[in-house]
Amino acid sequence: MKPITLLDVDKMTETYSRDRATLAAIVRDMEQEMEKLKRSVMPHIKKALSRTIESRKALHAALEENPELIAKPKTRVWHGVKVGFRKKKGEISMENEERTIKLIEKYFPDDAREGLMLLREKVSVDKTAVQKLAAADIKRLGITIGEDTDEVVIAPVDSEVEKIVDALLKGADEKEEAA
């Protein structure tokens, strides 16, 4: 590679600056076109979103009022949408967390406890991990899970477009809950 001069660096910087300005102009044009497109389609999106919210509410109510229709299996897929019931994650409660920690150490020994303890740790029960245990193990640890009833499931088999639609619907659900 031949040595370069400040004049070479100046010309390379000019080229880079020109190329970057061209790229920025293209991106600005694209963003303007996207804004125009959004403005033209937004009324259609809002109308379709409203209809979708209403049809989802009707489906949810129908499932909730008629759980016997989907007993076994608890979920089914129709028209690319999974519907049915799933077990709700219940609230985990313990009368005495220290006692529960001792029971965990007793029933689930950890080989990693060997050796020196150079750091102090605050030990607490990981409720997310407890959810994954078998019911018998949870009971043996003195933990109870309340309100683990079934809840309605309405979940599309996702593609990228469906993920955007789900995000819109979730936003609408959150607004409705806040109201």
Protein backbone atom coordinates (compact mmCIF):
# COMPACT_ATOMS: atom_id res chain seq x y z
CA MET A 1 0.00 0.00 0.00
CA LYS A 2 1.41 3.37 -0.99
CA PRO A 3 1.65 6.10 1.62
CA ILE A 4 -1.19 8.59 1.60
CA THR A 5 -1.13 12.35 1.98
CA LEU A 6 -3.43 14.80 3.67
CA LEU A 7 -4.78 15.64 0.21
CA ASP A 8 -5.75 11.95 -0.22
CA VAL A 9 -7.50 11.98 3.17
CA ASP A 10 -9.30 15.20 2.16
CA LYS A 11 -10.59 13.61 -1.10
CA MET A 12 -11.62 10.39 0.68
CA THR A 13 -13.46 12.45 3.30
CA GLU A 14 -15.22 14.40 0.55
CA THR A 15 -16.32 11.13 -1.11
CA TYR A 16 -17.55 9.74 2.20
CA SER A 17 -19.42 12.98 2.98
CA ARG A 18 -21.10 13.00 -0.47
CA ASP A 19 -22.05 9.28 -0.19
CA ARG A 20 -23.42 9.78 3.31
CA ALA A 21 -25.49 12.80 2.19
CA THR A 22 -26.92 10.72 -0.67
CA LEU A 23 -27.83 7.91 1.73
CA ALA A 24 -29.44 10.38 4.17
CA ALA A 25 -31.50 11.93 1.33
CA ILE A 26 -32.73 8.48 0.25
CA VAL A 27 -33.68 7.60 3.83
CA ARG A 28 -35.50 10.96 4.28
CA ASP A 29 -37.43 10.35 1.03
CA MET A 30 -38.35 6.85 2.21
CA GLU A 31 -39.56 8.18 5.58
CA GLN A 32 -41.69 10.84 3.84
CA GLU A 33 -43.23 8.19 1.58
CA MET A 34 -43.91 5.96 4.58
CA GLU A 35 -45.63 8.86 6.37
CA LYS A 36 -47.82 9.51 3.32
CA LEU A 37 -48.69 5.82 3.16
CA LYS A 38 -49.48 5.72 6.89
CA ARG A 39 -51.80 8.72 6.58
CA SER A 40 -53.63 7.13 3.66
CA VAL A 41 -54.05 3.69 5.27
CA MET A 42 -54.55 4.68 8.92
CA PRO A 43 -58.35 5.13 8.62
CA HIS A 44 -58.60 1.60 7.17
CA ILE A 45 -56.35 0.20 9.90
CA LYS A 46 -58.45 1.87 12.62
CA LYS A 47 -61.68 0.52 11.13
CA ALA A 48 -60.27 -3.01 10.78
CA LEU A 49 -58.80 -2.82 14.30
CA SER A 50 -62.19 -1.87 15.73
CA ARG A 51 -63.90 -4.79 13.93
CA THR A 52 -61.14 -7.17 15.07
CA ILE A 53 -61.50 -6.05 18.70
CA GLU A 54 -65.25 -6.67 18.56
CA SER A 55 -64.94 -10.11 16.95
CA ARG A 56 -62.25 -11.07 19.48
CA LYS A 57 -64.50 -9.98 22.35
CA ALA A 58 -67.36 -12.06 20.93
CA LEU A 59 -65.12 -15.13 20.53
CA HIS A 60 -63.70 -14.67 24.05
CA ALA A 61 -67.17 -14.39 25.57
CA ALA A 62 -68.41 -17.44 23.66
CA LEU A 63 -65.48 -19.55 24.89
CA GLU A 64 -65.80 -18.27 28.45
CA GLU A 65 -69.52 -19.05 28.56
CA ASN A 66 -69.14 -22.50 26.92
CA PRO A 67 -65.92 -24.13 28.21
CA GLU A 68 -67.39 -27.60 27.62
CA LEU A 69 -67.06 -27.06 23.85
CA ILE A 70 -63.29 -27.38 24.10
CA ALA A 71 -62.57 -29.85 26.89
CA LYS A 72 -60.06 -32.26 25.35
CA PRO A 73 -57.74 -31.14 23.92
CA LYS A 74 -57.91 -27.80 25.72
CA THR A 75 -56.82 -25.84 22.66
CA ARG A 76 -57.45 -26.19 18.94
CA VAL A 77 -56.35 -24.33 15.84
CA TRP A 78 -58.98 -23.06 13.43
CA HIS A 79 -58.24 -20.70 10.55
CA GLY A 80 -54.69 -20.08 11.81
CA VAL A 81 -55.87 -19.12 15.30
CA LYS A 82 -55.31 -21.19 18.43
CA VAL A 83 -58.39 -21.04 20.68
CA GLY A 84 -59.32 -22.78 23.89
CA PHE A 85 -58.08 -22.74 27.46
CA ARG A 86 -54.77 -22.80 29.30
CA LYS A 87 -53.86 -22.98 32.94
CA LYS A 88 -53.47 -19.53 34.44
CA LYS A 89 -50.27 -18.98 36.37
CA GLY A 90 -51.39 -18.81 39.95
CA GLU A 91 -50.07 -16.59 42.73
CA ILE A 92 -47.28 -18.29 44.69
CA SER A 93 -47.44 -17.92 48.45
CA MET A 94 -45.44 -19.29 51.36
CA GLU A 95 -46.19 -19.05 55.05
CA ASN A 96 -42.50 -19.01 55.94
CA GLU A 97 -39.94 -18.34 53.20
CA GLU A 98 -36.96 -19.32 55.43
CA ARG A 99 -38.56 -22.71 56.10
CA THR A 100 -39.21 -23.12 52.39
CA ILE A 101 -35.56 -22.30 51.62
CA LYS A 102 -34.44 -24.99 54.09
CA LEU A 103 -36.80 -27.50 52.46
CA ILE A 104 -35.44 -26.61 49.02
CA GLU A 105 -31.90 -27.18 50.30
CA LYS A 106 -33.01 -30.50 51.80
CA TYR A 107 -34.91 -31.87 48.80
CA PHE A 108 -32.86 -30.24 46.05
CA PRO A 109 -29.21 -30.39 47.17
CA ASP A 110 -26.84 -28.16 45.27
CA ASP A 111 -23.32 -29.51 44.69
CA ALA A 112 -22.21 -25.92 44.03
CA ARG A 113 -22.44 -25.17 47.78
CA GLU A 114 -19.15 -26.96 48.38
CA GLY A 115 -16.01 -24.89 48.91
CA LEU A 116 -15.47 -21.45 50.31
CA MET A 117 -18.18 -18.84 50.32
CA LEU A 118 -16.32 -15.64 49.49
CA LEU A 119 -19.44 -13.62 48.72
CA ARG A 120 -22.61 -13.16 50.74
CA GLU A 121 -25.88 -13.75 48.97
CA LYS A 122 -29.40 -12.89 49.95
CA VAL A 123 -31.23 -16.15 49.41
CA SER A 124 -34.86 -16.03 48.36
CA VAL A 125 -37.23 -18.36 46.55
CA ASP A 126 -37.33 -17.93 42.76
CA LYS A 127 -41.07 -17.94 42.10
CA THR A 128 -40.63 -18.30 38.34
CA ALA A 129 -38.60 -21.49 38.83
CA VAL A 130 -41.13 -22.80 41.39
CA GLN A 131 -43.87 -22.53 38.72
CA LYS A 132 -41.98 -25.19 36.72
CA LEU A 133 -41.93 -27.78 39.53
CA ALA A 134 -44.33 -30.69 39.75
CA ALA A 135 -47.35 -30.13 42.00
CA ALA A 136 -46.11 -32.77 44.47
CA ASP A 137 -42.76 -30.99 44.85
CA ILE A 138 -44.46 -27.62 45.32
CA LYS A 139 -46.65 -29.06 48.08
CA ARG A 140 -43.66 -30.77 49.73
CA LEU A 141 -41.92 -27.38 49.94
CA GLY A 142 -44.86 -25.82 51.76
CA ILE A 143 -45.77 -23.60 48.82
CA THR A 144 -49.29 -22.99 47.64
CA ILE A 145 -50.38 -21.66 44.28
CA GLY A 146 -53.67 -19.82 44.35
CA GLU A 147 -56.04 -19.00 41.51
CA ASP A 148 -54.48 -21.39 38.99
CA THR A 149 -57.70 -21.69 37.03
CA ASP A 150 -58.12 -21.93 33.28
CA GLU A 151 -58.17 -18.82 31.13
CA VAL A 152 -59.29 -18.30 27.55
CA VAL A 153 -56.61 -18.49 24.84
CA ILE A 154 -56.96 -16.71 21.50
CA ALA A 155 -53.57 -16.67 19.80
CA PRO A 156 -52.84 -16.48 16.08
CA VAL A 157 -50.18 -18.74 14.61
CA ASP A 158 -47.73 -15.88 14.14
CA SER A 159 -46.14 -14.30 11.11
CA GLU A 160 -44.58 -10.83 11.05
CA VAL A 161 -47.86 -9.16 10.06
CA GLU A 162 -49.74 -10.99 12.80
CA LYS A 163 -47.20 -9.79 15.34
CA ILE A 164 -47.92 -6.18 14.34
CA VAL A 165 -51.67 -6.82 14.52
CA ASP A 166 -51.22 -8.44 17.96
CA ALA A 167 -49.28 -5.39 19.15
CA LEU A 168 -52.14 -3.13 17.99
CA LEU A 169 -54.72 -5.33 19.72
CA LYS A 170 -52.66 -5.50 22.91
CA GLY A 171 -52.44 -1.72 22.94
CA ALA A 172 -56.20 -1.49 22.52
CA ASP A 173 -56.73 -4.05 25.34
CA GLU A 174 -54.44 -2.08 27.66
CA LYS A 175 -56.30 1.17 26.90
CA GLU A 176 -59.61 -0.57 27.61
CA GLU A 177 -58.34 -1.97 30.93
CA ALA A 178 -57.07 1.46 31.97
CA ALA A 179 -60.46 3.05 31.19
